[in-house]
C-alpha cells in the first residue's frame, strides 16, 4: 500500500513541480528501496 501512495503518477507529477529532477529521482529511489526493505522485514516476521 505504501508504493501506491508514494510512487503514484499524480504524486510524482506534483513533486516534479516543486523538486528538481535529480532530487526527485533520489527521492523515488530511496522510497523504492525503503518499501522493498520493509516488505522483506515484514515477511520475515
PDB file of N, CA and C in Angstrom:
ATOM      1  N   UNK A   1       0.814  -1.201   0.000  1.00  0.00           N
ATOM      2  CA  UNK A   1       0.000   0.000   0.000  1.00  0.00           C
ATOM      3  C   UNK A   1       0.857   1.265   0.000  1.00  0.00           C
ATOM      4  N   UNK A   2       2.056   1.168   0.553  1.00  0.00           N
ATOM      5  CA  UNK A   2       2.920   2.348   0.586  1.00  0.00           C
ATOM      6  C   UNK A   2       3.323   2.763  -0.820  1.00  0.00           C
ATOM      7  N   UNK A   3       3.586   1.785  -1.666  1.00  0.00           N
ATOM      8  CA  UNK A   3       4.035   2.098  -3.023  1.00  0.00           C
ATOM      9  C   UNK A   3       2.942   2.780  -3.831  1.00  0.00           C
ATOM     10  N   UNK A   4       1.704   2.451  -3.539  1.00  0.00           N
ATOM     11  CA  UNK A   4       0.593   3.050  -4.285  1.00  0.00           C
ATOM     12  C   UNK A   4       0.528   4.549  -4.035  1.00  0.00           C
ATOM     13  N   UNK A   5       0.747   4.975  -2.801  1.00  0.00           N
ATOM     14  CA  UNK A   5       0.635   6.402  -2.489  1.00  0.00           C
ATOM     15  C   UNK A   5       1.915   7.170  -2.773  1.00  0.00           C
ATOM     16  N   UNK A   6       3.056   6.560  -2.486  1.00  0.00           N
ATOM     17  CA  UNK A   6       4.320   7.290  -2.640  1.00  0.00           C
ATOM     18  C   UNK A   6       4.739   7.390  -4.102  1.00  0.00           C
ATOM     19  N   UNK A   7       4.623   6.296  -4.829  1.00  0.00           N
ATOM     20  CA  UNK A   7       5.158   6.247  -6.191  1.00  0.00           C
ATOM     21  C   UNK A   7       4.077   6.367  -7.259  1.00  0.00           C
ATOM     22  N   UNK A   8       2.933   6.929  -6.904  1.00  0.00           N
ATOM     23  CA  UNK A   8       1.878   7.077  -7.901  1.00  0.00           C
ATOM     24  C   UNK A   8       2.223   8.216  -8.864  1.00  0.00           C
ATOM     25  N   UNK A   9       1.707   8.124 -10.050  1.00  0.00           N
ATOM     26  CA  UNK A   9       1.995   9.129 -11.074  1.00  0.00           C
ATOM     27  C   UNK A   9       1.524  10.532 -10.675  1.00  0.00           C
ATOM     28  N   UNK A  10       0.320  10.705 -10.108  1.00  0.00           N
ATOM     29  CA  UNK A  10      -0.086  12.059  -9.715  1.00  0.00           C
ATOM     30  C   UNK A  10       0.830  12.692  -8.662  1.00  0.00           C
ATOM     31  N   UNK A  11       1.297  11.890  -7.698  1.00  0.00           N
ATOM     32  CA  UNK A  11       2.186  12.464  -6.685  1.00  0.00           C
ATOM     33  C   UNK A  11       3.535  12.838  -7.287  1.00  0.00           C
ATOM     34  N   UNK A  12       4.025  12.033  -8.228  1.00  0.00           N
ATOM     35  CA  UNK A  12       5.297  12.351  -8.883  1.00  0.00           C
ATOM     36  C   UNK A  12       5.156  13.617  -9.725  1.00  0.00           C
ATOM     37  N   UNK A  13       4.033  13.785 -10.380  1.00  0.00           N
ATOM     38  CA  UNK A  13       3.810  14.996 -11.186  1.00  0.00           C
ATOM     39  C   UNK A  13       3.771  16.233 -10.297  1.00  0.00           C
ATOM     40  N   UNK A  14       3.098  16.123  -9.137  1.00  0.00           N
ATOM     41  CA  UNK A  14       3.053  17.264  -8.217  1.00  0.00           C
ATOM     42  C   UNK A  14       4.435  17.574  -7.649  1.00  0.00           C
ATOM     43  N   UNK A  15       5.188  16.529  -7.293  1.00  0.00           N
ATOM     44  CA  UNK A  15       6.525  16.751  -6.758  1.00  0.00           C
ATOM     45  C   UNK A  15       7.468  17.304  -7.819  1.00  0.00           C
ATOM     46  N   UNK A  16       7.237  16.962  -9.078  1.00  0.00           N
ATOM     47  CA  UNK A  16       8.070  17.460 -10.178  1.00  0.00           C
ATOM     48  C   UNK A  16       7.993  18.979 -10.282  1.00  0.00           C
ATOM     49  N   UNK A  17       6.856  19.542  -9.910  1.00  0.00           N
ATOM     50  CA  UNK A  17       6.700  20.993  -9.961  1.00  0.00           C
ATOM     51  C   UNK A  17       7.479  21.686  -8.849  1.00  0.00           C
ATOM     52  N   UNK A  18       7.790  20.946  -7.781  1.00  0.00           N
ATOM     53  CA  UNK A  18       8.455  21.536  -6.625  1.00  0.00           C
ATOM     54  C   UNK A  18       9.943  21.201  -6.592  1.00  0.00           C
ATOM     55  N   UNK A  19      10.286  19.973  -6.972  1.00  0.00           N
ATOM     56  CA  UNK A  19      11.662  19.497  -6.856  1.00  0.00           C
ATOM     57  C   UNK A  19      12.352  19.464  -8.219  1.00  0.00           C
ATOM     58  N   UNK A  20      13.666  19.542  -8.183  1.00  0.00           N
ATOM     59  CA  UNK A  20      14.442  19.353  -9.405  1.00  0.00           C
ATOM     60  C   UNK A  20      14.450  17.872  -9.751  1.00  0.00           C
ATOM     61  N   UNK A  21      14.760  17.561 -10.994  1.00  0.00           N
ATOM     62  CA  UNK A  21      14.686  16.185 -11.485  1.00  0.00           C
ATOM     63  C   UNK A  21      15.623  15.256 -10.722  1.00  0.00           C
ATOM     64  N   UNK A  22      16.836  15.698 -10.451  1.00  0.00           N
ATOM     65  CA  UNK A  22      17.805  14.855  -9.742  1.00  0.00           C
ATOM     66  C   UNK A  22      17.322  14.549  -8.327  1.00  0.00           C
ATOM     67  N   UNK A  23      16.812  15.548  -7.633  1.00  0.00           N
ATOM     68  CA  UNK A  23      16.318  15.346  -6.272  1.00  0.00           C
ATOM     69  C   UNK A  23      15.086  14.449  -6.265  1.00  0.00           C
ATOM     70  N   UNK A  24      14.231  14.592  -7.257  1.00  0.00           N
ATOM     71  CA  UNK A  24      13.055  13.733  -7.369  1.00  0.00           C
ATOM     72  C   UNK A  24      13.465  12.289  -7.625  1.00  0.00           C
ATOM     73  N   UNK A  25      14.473  12.082  -8.461  1.00  0.00           N
ATOM     74  CA  UNK A  25      14.959  10.726  -8.726  1.00  0.00           C
ATOM     75  C   UNK A  25      15.552  10.098  -7.468  1.00  0.00           C
ATOM     76  N   UNK A  26      16.281  10.886  -6.690  1.00  0.00           N
ATOM     77  CA  UNK A  26      16.833  10.379  -5.428  1.00  0.00           C
ATOM     78  C   UNK A  26      15.712  10.021  -4.466  1.00  0.00           C
ATOM     79  N   UNK A  27      14.692  10.863  -4.380  1.00  0.00           N
ATOM     80  CA  UNK A  27      13.553  10.596  -3.507  1.00  0.00           C
ATOM     81  C   UNK A  27      12.848   9.303  -3.903  1.00  0.00           C
ATOM     82  N   UNK A  28      12.611   9.114  -5.191  1.00  0.00           N
ATOM     83  CA  UNK A  28      11.936   7.903  -5.666  1.00  0.00           C
ATOM     84  C   UNK A  28      12.794   6.674  -5.392  1.00  0.00           C
ATOM     85  N   UNK A  29      14.102   6.786  -5.605  1.00  0.00           N
ATOM     86  CA  UNK A  29      14.998   5.647  -5.365  1.00  0.00           C
ATOM     87  C   UNK A  29      15.026   5.265  -3.890  1.00  0.00           C
ATOM     88  N   UNK A  30      15.121   6.257  -3.010  1.00  0.00           N
ATOM     89  CA  UNK A  30      15.143   5.975  -1.573  1.00  0.00           C
ATOM     90  C   UNK A  30      13.825   5.358  -1.130  1.00  0.00           C
ATOM     91  N   UNK A  31      12.716   5.900  -1.603  1.00  0.00           N
ATOM     92  CA  UNK A  31      11.409   5.345  -1.236  1.00  0.00           C
ATOM     93  C   UNK A  31      11.253   3.924  -1.756  1.00  0.00           C
ATOM     94  N   UNK A  32      11.728   3.682  -2.967  1.00  0.00           N
ATOM     95  CA  UNK A  32      11.629   2.344  -3.551  1.00  0.00           C
ATOM     96  C   UNK A  32      12.421   1.330  -2.732  1.00  0.00           C
ATOM     97  N   UNK A  33      13.634   1.687  -2.368  1.00  0.00           N
ATOM     98  CA  UNK A  33      14.466   0.791  -1.557  1.00  0.00           C
ATOM     99  C   UNK A  33      13.832   0.570  -0.185  1.00  0.00           C
ATOM    100  N   UNK A  34      13.315   1.638   0.427  1.00  0.00           N
ATOM    101  CA  UNK A  34      12.675   1.502   1.736  1.00  0.00           C
ATOM    102  C   UNK A  34      11.455   0.592   1.683  1.00  0.00           C
ATOM    103  N   UNK A  35      10.660   0.698   0.637  1.00  0.00           N
ATOM    104  CA  UNK A  35       9.471  -0.147   0.505  1.00  0.00           C
ATOM    105  C   UNK A  35       9.868  -1.612   0.387  1.00  0.00           C
ATOM    106  N   UNK A  36      10.914  -1.890  -0.374  1.00  0.00           N
ATOM    107  CA  UNK A  36      11.380  -3.274  -0.525  1.00  0.00           C
ATOM    108  C   UNK A  36      11.911  -3.808   0.803  1.00  0.00           C
ATOM    109  N   UNK A  37      12.686  -2.998   1.516  1.00  0.00           N
ATOM    110  CA  UNK A  37      13.249  -3.427   2.802  1.00  0.00           C
ATOM    111  C   UNK A  37      12.143  -3.693   3.812  1.00  0.00           C
ATOM    112  N   UNK A  38      11.170  -2.808   3.892  1.00  0.00           N
ATOM    113  CA  UNK A  38      10.054  -3.012   4.821  1.00  0.00           C
ATOM    114  C   UNK A  38       9.263  -4.249   4.433  1.00  0.00           C
ATOM    115  N   UNK A  39       9.093  -4.492   3.158  1.00  0.00           N
ATOM    116  CA  UNK A  39       8.377  -5.685   2.706  1.00  0.00           C
ATOM    117  C   UNK A  39       9.088  -6.963   3.101  1.00  0.00           C
ATOM    118  N   UNK A  40      10.404  -7.005   2.885  1.00  0.00           N
ATOM    119  CA  UNK A  40      11.167  -8.190   3.283  1.00  0.00           C
ATOM    120  C   UNK A  40      11.146  -8.367   4.799  1.00  0.00           C
ATOM    121  N   UNK A  41      11.283  -7.278   5.549  1.00  0.00           N
ATOM    122  CA  UNK A  41      11.273  -7.363   7.012  1.00  0.00           C
ATOM    123  C   UNK A  41       9.912  -7.831   7.517  1.00  0.00           C
ATOM    124  N   UNK A  42       8.858  -7.354   6.894  1.00  0.00           N
ATOM    125  CA  UNK A  42       7.512  -7.756   7.301  1.00  0.00           C
ATOM    126  C   UNK A  42       7.272  -9.236   7.004  1.00  0.00           C
ATOM    127  N   UNK A  43       7.764  -9.720   5.889  1.00  0.00           N
ATOM    128  CA  UNK A  43       7.597 -11.132   5.551  1.00  0.00           C
ATOM    129  C   UNK A  43       8.463 -12.035   6.416  1.00  0.00           C
ATOM    130  N   UNK A  44       9.555 -11.503   6.944  1.00  0.00           N
ATOM    131  CA  UNK A  44      10.447 -12.306   7.781  1.00  0.00           C
ATOM    132  C   UNK A  44       9.863 -12.544   9.171  1.00  0.00           C
ATOM    133  N   UNK A  45       8.957 -11.680   9.568  1.00  0.00           N
ATOM    134  CA  UNK A  45       8.373 -11.800  10.920  1.00  0.00           C
ATOM    135  C   UNK A  45       7.349 -12.897  10.974  1.00  0.00           C
TER     136      UNK A  45
END
